[in-house]
């Protein structure tokens, strides 16, 4: 799994994607990332077997101009991890 991020304080978070190959622009659009996430960095993780995850389609967020720009088209898949302490970083 891959997490796209730009804020050093939020390197690890609850949302990851199956797409490790996205450019920052594509990650922002496909994953409908908030304005403050420039997706300039990515971290890869393994989710250990037995953990609860929620998988869903990313919806367009272009109607919420306050948090998202017109780029946030959605269309990708993201995984929500309730307990991020279970994630194992890939180095």
N, C-alpha and C. Protein backbone atom coordinates (compact mmCIF):
# COMPACT_ATOMS: atom_id res chain seq x y z
N UNK A 1 0.84 -1.17 0.00
CA UNK A 1 0.00 0.00 0.00
C UNK A 1 0.89 1.24 0.00
N UNK A 2 0.39 2.31 -0.52
CA UNK A 2 1.16 3.55 -0.61
C UNK A 2 0.37 4.71 -0.01
N UNK A 3 1.07 5.54 0.74
CA UNK A 3 0.48 6.76 1.29
C UNK A 3 1.15 7.94 0.61
N UNK A 4 0.36 8.86 0.09
CA UNK A 4 0.88 10.08 -0.53
C UNK A 4 0.71 11.22 0.45
N UNK A 5 1.77 12.00 0.67
CA UNK A 5 1.74 13.03 1.70
C UNK A 5 2.73 14.14 1.36
N UNK A 6 2.58 15.27 2.02
CA UNK A 6 3.54 16.37 1.88
C UNK A 6 3.90 16.97 3.24
N UNK A 7 3.03 16.86 4.20
CA UNK A 7 3.24 17.43 5.53
C UNK A 7 4.08 16.46 6.37
N UNK A 8 5.28 16.87 6.83
CA UNK A 8 6.12 15.96 7.61
C UNK A 8 5.45 15.42 8.87
N UNK A 9 4.48 16.14 9.38
CA UNK A 9 3.78 15.69 10.59
C UNK A 9 2.80 14.55 10.30
N UNK A 10 2.46 14.35 9.04
CA UNK A 10 1.44 13.36 8.70
C UNK A 10 1.97 12.32 7.71
N UNK A 11 3.20 11.89 7.92
CA UNK A 11 3.82 10.90 7.05
C UNK A 11 3.03 9.59 7.05
N UNK A 12 2.56 9.21 8.22
CA UNK A 12 1.73 8.01 8.34
C UNK A 12 0.31 8.46 8.59
N UNK A 13 -0.63 7.88 7.86
CA UNK A 13 -2.02 8.27 8.04
C UNK A 13 -2.95 7.10 7.79
N UNK A 14 -4.22 7.35 7.93
CA UNK A 14 -5.22 6.28 7.83
C UNK A 14 -5.58 5.90 6.41
N UNK A 15 -5.20 6.71 5.41
CA UNK A 15 -5.60 6.45 4.03
C UNK A 15 -4.41 6.04 3.19
N UNK A 16 -4.52 4.89 2.54
CA UNK A 16 -3.49 4.42 1.60
C UNK A 16 -4.17 3.97 0.33
N UNK A 17 -3.38 3.74 -0.71
CA UNK A 17 -3.91 3.31 -1.99
C UNK A 17 -3.13 2.11 -2.49
N UNK A 18 -3.69 1.41 -3.44
CA UNK A 18 -3.01 0.29 -4.07
C UNK A 18 -2.06 0.77 -5.17
N UNK A 19 -2.05 2.08 -5.46
CA UNK A 19 -1.29 2.62 -6.59
C UNK A 19 0.03 3.24 -6.14
N UNK A 20 1.14 2.53 -6.26
CA UNK A 20 2.43 3.10 -5.87
C UNK A 20 3.09 3.93 -6.96
N UNK A 21 2.45 4.03 -8.12
CA UNK A 21 3.07 4.61 -9.31
C UNK A 21 2.56 6.00 -9.68
N UNK A 22 1.74 6.60 -8.85
CA UNK A 22 1.11 7.87 -9.21
C UNK A 22 2.08 9.04 -9.08
N UNK A 23 2.05 9.94 -10.06
CA UNK A 23 2.78 11.20 -9.93
C UNK A 23 2.03 12.07 -8.93
N UNK A 24 2.67 13.11 -8.38
CA UNK A 24 1.94 13.97 -7.44
C UNK A 24 0.64 14.53 -8.02
N UNK A 25 0.66 14.96 -9.29
CA UNK A 25 -0.55 15.52 -9.89
C UNK A 25 -1.65 14.46 -10.01
N UNK A 26 -1.27 13.27 -10.46
CA UNK A 26 -2.25 12.19 -10.59
C UNK A 26 -2.79 11.76 -9.24
N UNK A 27 -1.91 11.67 -8.24
CA UNK A 27 -2.36 11.28 -6.90
C UNK A 27 -3.37 12.28 -6.36
N UNK A 28 -3.10 13.56 -6.55
CA UNK A 28 -4.02 14.59 -6.05
C UNK A 28 -5.38 14.48 -6.72
N UNK A 29 -5.40 14.24 -8.03
CA UNK A 29 -6.66 14.17 -8.77
C UNK A 29 -7.40 12.86 -8.51
N UNK A 30 -6.71 11.73 -8.68
CA UNK A 30 -7.36 10.42 -8.60
C UNK A 30 -7.79 10.10 -7.18
N UNK A 31 -6.98 10.49 -6.20
CA UNK A 31 -7.31 10.20 -4.80
C UNK A 31 -8.04 11.36 -4.13
N UNK A 32 -8.32 12.42 -4.89
CA UNK A 32 -9.05 13.59 -4.39
C UNK A 32 -8.48 14.06 -3.06
N UNK A 33 -7.18 14.37 -3.08
CA UNK A 33 -6.51 14.79 -1.86
C UNK A 33 -6.84 16.25 -1.54
N UNK A 34 -6.85 16.61 -0.25
CA UNK A 34 -7.16 17.98 0.15
C UNK A 34 -6.12 18.97 -0.39
N UNK A 35 -6.48 20.24 -0.43
CA UNK A 35 -5.59 21.30 -0.92
C UNK A 35 -4.22 21.29 -0.26
N UNK A 36 -4.16 20.97 1.03
CA UNK A 36 -2.88 21.04 1.74
C UNK A 36 -2.02 19.80 1.55
N UNK A 37 -2.48 18.80 0.82
CA UNK A 37 -1.67 17.61 0.53
C UNK A 37 -1.20 17.69 -0.92
N UNK A 38 0.06 18.05 -1.11
CA UNK A 38 0.61 18.20 -2.44
C UNK A 38 1.16 16.88 -3.00
N UNK A 39 1.10 15.82 -2.20
CA UNK A 39 1.51 14.48 -2.63
C UNK A 39 2.94 14.44 -3.15
N UNK A 40 3.80 15.27 -2.57
CA UNK A 40 5.18 15.33 -3.03
C UNK A 40 6.03 14.19 -2.48
N UNK A 41 5.51 13.44 -1.53
CA UNK A 41 6.22 12.29 -0.97
C UNK A 41 5.29 11.08 -0.96
N UNK A 42 5.88 9.91 -0.94
CA UNK A 42 5.07 8.71 -0.78
C UNK A 42 5.81 7.73 0.12
N UNK A 43 5.05 6.98 0.88
CA UNK A 43 5.58 5.94 1.76
C UNK A 43 4.83 4.66 1.45
N UNK A 44 5.56 3.55 1.44
CA UNK A 44 4.93 2.26 1.18
C UNK A 44 4.84 1.46 2.47
N UNK A 45 3.72 0.76 2.62
CA UNK A 45 3.45 -0.01 3.82
C UNK A 45 2.89 -1.38 3.50
N UNK A 46 3.04 -2.28 4.43
CA UNK A 46 2.36 -3.56 4.41
C UNK A 46 1.32 -3.52 5.52
N UNK A 47 0.14 -4.00 5.22
CA UNK A 47 -0.90 -4.13 6.24
C UNK A 47 -0.89 -5.59 6.67
N UNK A 48 -0.48 -5.88 7.90
CA UNK A 48 -0.40 -7.27 8.33
C UNK A 48 -1.75 -7.99 8.27
N UNK A 49 -1.69 -9.25 7.93
CA UNK A 49 -2.88 -10.10 7.84
C UNK A 49 -3.67 -10.04 9.14
N UNK A 50 -4.98 -9.99 9.01
CA UNK A 50 -5.86 -9.98 10.17
C UNK A 50 -6.32 -8.61 10.61
N UNK A 51 -5.78 -7.56 10.02
CA UNK A 51 -6.20 -6.20 10.38
C UNK A 51 -7.49 -5.81 9.67
N UNK A 52 -8.28 -4.99 10.32
CA UNK A 52 -9.50 -4.48 9.72
C UNK A 52 -9.15 -3.31 8.81
N UNK A 53 -9.67 -3.35 7.59
CA UNK A 53 -9.50 -2.24 6.65
C UNK A 53 -10.84 -2.01 5.96
N UNK A 54 -11.03 -0.81 5.44
CA UNK A 54 -12.22 -0.46 4.67
C UNK A 54 -11.75 0.04 3.32
N UNK A 55 -12.25 -0.57 2.27
CA UNK A 55 -11.84 -0.23 0.90
C UNK A 55 -13.01 0.44 0.20
N UNK A 56 -12.73 1.55 -0.48
CA UNK A 56 -13.80 2.24 -1.18
C UNK A 56 -13.31 3.07 -2.34
N UNK A 57 -14.25 3.44 -3.18
CA UNK A 57 -13.98 4.29 -4.33
C UNK A 57 -13.85 5.74 -3.88
N UNK A 58 -12.91 6.45 -4.47
CA UNK A 58 -12.72 7.86 -4.15
C UNK A 58 -13.67 8.69 -5.01
N UNK A 59 -14.52 9.45 -4.38
CA UNK A 59 -15.48 10.29 -5.09
C UNK A 59 -14.87 11.64 -5.44
N UNK A 60 -15.39 12.26 -6.45
CA UNK A 60 -14.98 13.61 -6.82
C UNK A 60 -15.29 14.57 -5.68
N UNK A 61 -14.39 15.52 -5.45
CA UNK A 61 -14.59 16.51 -4.39
C UNK A 61 -14.60 17.94 -4.94
N UNK A 62 -14.84 18.09 -6.24
CA UNK A 62 -14.75 19.42 -6.85
C UNK A 62 -15.81 20.39 -6.35
N UNK A 63 -16.86 19.89 -5.75
CA UNK A 63 -17.92 20.77 -5.24
C UNK A 63 -17.57 21.40 -3.89
N UNK A 64 -16.50 20.91 -3.24
CA UNK A 64 -16.11 21.43 -1.94
C UNK A 64 -14.85 22.27 -2.10
N UNK A 65 -15.00 23.47 -2.65
CA UNK A 65 -13.87 24.34 -3.00
C UNK A 65 -13.04 24.76 -1.79
N UNK A 66 -13.64 24.76 -0.60
CA UNK A 66 -12.90 25.19 0.58
C UNK A 66 -11.77 24.22 0.93
N UNK A 67 -12.02 22.94 0.80
CA UNK A 67 -11.01 21.93 1.17
C UNK A 67 -10.30 21.32 -0.03
N UNK A 68 -10.94 21.35 -1.20
CA UNK A 68 -10.40 20.70 -2.39
C UNK A 68 -10.46 21.66 -3.57
N UNK A 69 -9.54 21.49 -4.51
CA UNK A 69 -9.57 22.31 -5.71
C UNK A 69 -10.33 21.61 -6.82
N UNK A 70 -10.41 22.23 -7.97
CA UNK A 70 -11.13 21.66 -9.11
C UNK A 70 -10.42 20.44 -9.68
N UNK A 71 -9.20 20.17 -9.20
CA UNK A 71 -8.43 19.01 -9.64
C UNK A 71 -8.95 17.71 -9.04
N UNK A 72 -9.68 17.75 -7.94
CA UNK A 72 -10.01 16.56 -7.14
C UNK A 72 -11.14 15.76 -7.78
N UNK A 73 -10.80 15.04 -8.84
CA UNK A 73 -11.79 14.36 -9.66
C UNK A 73 -12.21 12.99 -9.14
N UNK A 74 -11.38 12.37 -8.31
CA UNK A 74 -11.71 11.05 -7.79
C UNK A 74 -11.55 9.96 -8.84
N UNK A 75 -12.08 8.80 -8.53
CA UNK A 75 -12.02 7.68 -9.46
C UNK A 75 -11.07 6.58 -9.04
N UNK A 76 -10.29 6.81 -8.01
CA UNK A 76 -9.37 5.79 -7.53
C UNK A 76 -9.98 4.96 -6.43
N UNK A 77 -9.16 4.08 -5.86
CA UNK A 77 -9.56 3.29 -4.69
C UNK A 77 -8.62 3.63 -3.55
N UNK A 78 -9.17 3.80 -2.37
CA UNK A 78 -8.36 4.01 -1.19
C UNK A 78 -8.78 3.02 -0.11
N UNK A 79 -7.84 2.78 0.78
CA UNK A 79 -8.06 1.88 1.90
C UNK A 79 -7.92 2.69 3.18
N UNK A 80 -8.90 2.55 4.06
CA UNK A 80 -8.88 3.23 5.36
C UNK A 80 -8.44 2.22 6.41
N UNK A 81 -7.41 2.58 7.17
CA UNK A 81 -6.89 1.71 8.22
C UNK A 81 -7.24 2.32 9.57
N UNK A 82 -8.15 1.70 10.32
CA UNK A 82 -8.53 2.27 11.62
C UNK A 82 -7.36 2.38 12.61
N UNK A 83 -6.47 1.38 12.61
CA UNK A 83 -5.36 1.38 13.56
C UNK A 83 -4.04 1.47 12.80
N UNK A 84 -3.53 2.69 12.63
CA UNK A 84 -2.31 2.88 11.84
C UNK A 84 -1.06 2.31 12.52
N UNK A 85 -1.15 2.00 13.79
CA UNK A 85 0.02 1.44 14.48
C UNK A 85 0.36 0.05 13.97
N UNK A 86 -0.55 -0.58 13.24
CA UNK A 86 -0.29 -1.92 12.71
C UNK A 86 0.47 -1.89 11.38
N UNK A 87 0.58 -0.72 10.74
CA UNK A 87 1.26 -0.63 9.46
C UNK A 87 2.76 -0.90 9.61
N UNK A 88 3.29 -1.65 8.65
CA UNK A 88 4.73 -1.95 8.65
C UNK A 88 5.35 -1.25 7.43
N UNK A 89 6.25 -0.27 7.66
CA UNK A 89 6.88 0.44 6.54
C UNK A 89 7.76 -0.49 5.70
N UNK A 90 7.77 -0.26 4.41
CA UNK A 90 8.69 -0.95 3.51
C UNK A 90 9.85 -0.01 3.26
N UNK A 91 11.02 -0.46 3.49
CA UNK A 91 12.21 0.40 3.33
C UNK A 91 12.92 0.11 2.05
